[in-house]
């Protein structure tokens, strides 16, 4: 049995069993429904998309920095754009 935050951000902790399903305590169904009605799943999906985009951005920055260590000029790797991308990725912004 695992306890998870429904929708990763609802604040409602539900119990999930791989073999037997999801179990809700008293009041949790109401909280989950309210979260969904208030657009919580859409917000959770958008946050997940943003997390994936941030991760891709970090991977590109890392690839650029590694390209500078394989004998190519690191000066072209650490240009203003690369530094800006790195800072944006670290701060979670685009």
Protein backbone atom coordinates (compact mmCIF):
# COMPACT_ATOMS: atom_id res chain seq x y z
CA UNK A 1 0.00 0.00 0.00
CA UNK A 2 1.35 3.41 -0.98
CA UNK A 3 0.08 6.81 0.04
CA UNK A 4 0.04 9.39 -2.75
CA UNK A 5 -1.10 12.97 -3.15
CA UNK A 6 -3.99 12.70 -5.62
CA UNK A 7 -3.09 14.55 -8.81
CA UNK A 8 0.34 15.30 -7.30
CA UNK A 9 -0.98 18.60 -5.93
CA UNK A 10 -4.48 18.20 -4.51
CA UNK A 11 -3.44 17.85 -0.90
CA UNK A 12 -5.66 14.76 -0.61
CA UNK A 13 -3.59 11.72 0.33
CA UNK A 14 -5.12 8.48 -0.95
CA UNK A 15 -4.01 4.89 -0.37
CA UNK A 16 -3.10 2.95 -3.51
CA UNK A 17 -2.53 -0.79 -3.71
CA UNK A 18 -1.13 -2.17 -6.96
CA UNK A 19 -3.18 -5.35 -6.66
CA UNK A 20 -6.41 -4.05 -5.15
CA UNK A 21 -6.89 -0.45 -6.27
CA UNK A 22 -7.32 2.91 -4.60
CA UNK A 23 -8.79 3.31 -1.13
CA UNK A 24 -10.34 6.52 0.15
CA UNK A 25 -10.90 7.51 3.75
CA UNK A 26 -13.94 9.45 4.91
CA UNK A 27 -14.27 12.77 3.07
CA UNK A 28 -11.54 12.06 0.52
CA UNK A 29 -13.93 11.35 -2.36
CA UNK A 30 -15.53 14.77 -1.80
CA UNK A 31 -12.07 16.41 -1.76
CA UNK A 32 -11.02 14.62 -4.96
CA UNK A 33 -14.22 15.60 -6.77
CA UNK A 34 -13.85 19.22 -5.65
CA UNK A 35 -10.21 19.24 -6.84
CA UNK A 36 -11.30 17.97 -10.27
CA UNK A 37 -14.24 20.39 -10.54
CA UNK A 38 -11.97 23.33 -9.70
CA UNK A 39 -9.65 22.45 -12.57
CA UNK A 40 -7.06 20.68 -10.47
CA UNK A 41 -6.35 17.93 -13.00
CA UNK A 42 -5.73 20.52 -15.70
CA UNK A 43 -3.32 22.35 -13.39
CA UNK A 44 -1.60 19.07 -12.51
CA UNK A 45 -1.19 18.18 -16.20
CA UNK A 46 0.21 21.63 -16.97
CA UNK A 47 2.66 21.35 -14.07
CA UNK A 48 3.75 17.95 -15.37
CA UNK A 49 4.24 19.37 -18.89
CA UNK A 50 6.28 22.21 -17.41
CA UNK A 51 8.39 19.76 -15.39
CA UNK A 52 9.10 17.75 -18.56
CA UNK A 53 9.99 20.90 -20.52
CA UNK A 54 12.34 22.00 -17.71
CA UNK A 55 13.99 18.60 -17.67
CA UNK A 56 14.48 18.69 -21.47
CA UNK A 57 15.97 22.18 -21.14
CA UNK A 58 18.39 20.97 -18.45
CA UNK A 59 19.39 18.01 -20.63
CA UNK A 60 20.11 20.33 -23.59
CA UNK A 61 22.24 22.57 -21.39
CA UNK A 62 24.17 19.58 -20.05
CA UNK A 63 24.67 18.26 -23.59
CA UNK A 64 26.01 21.67 -24.65
CA UNK A 65 28.42 21.82 -21.74
CA UNK A 66 29.62 18.28 -22.41
CA UNK A 67 30.18 19.16 -26.05
CA UNK A 68 32.72 21.69 -24.82
CA UNK A 69 34.69 18.98 -23.00
CA UNK A 70 35.24 16.69 -25.97
CA UNK A 71 37.87 18.79 -27.67
CA UNK A 72 35.59 21.45 -29.15
CA UNK A 73 35.88 25.02 -28.07
CA UNK A 74 34.18 25.62 -24.74
CA UNK A 75 33.92 29.32 -25.58
CA UNK A 76 31.16 28.55 -28.06
CA UNK A 77 29.43 26.32 -25.49
CA UNK A 78 29.26 28.91 -22.72
CA UNK A 79 27.81 31.79 -24.68
CA UNK A 80 25.21 34.11 -23.22
CA UNK A 81 22.36 31.94 -24.50
CA UNK A 82 23.73 28.82 -22.79
CA UNK A 83 24.16 30.65 -19.50
CA UNK A 84 20.65 32.08 -19.75
CA UNK A 85 19.21 28.64 -20.53
CA UNK A 86 21.08 27.10 -17.61
CA UNK A 87 19.83 29.74 -15.18
CA UNK A 88 16.28 29.43 -16.49
CA UNK A 89 16.40 25.64 -16.17
CA UNK A 90 17.75 25.84 -12.62
CA UNK A 91 15.11 28.38 -11.63
CA UNK A 92 12.34 26.42 -13.37
CA UNK A 93 11.46 29.25 -15.74
CA UNK A 94 11.54 29.62 -19.50
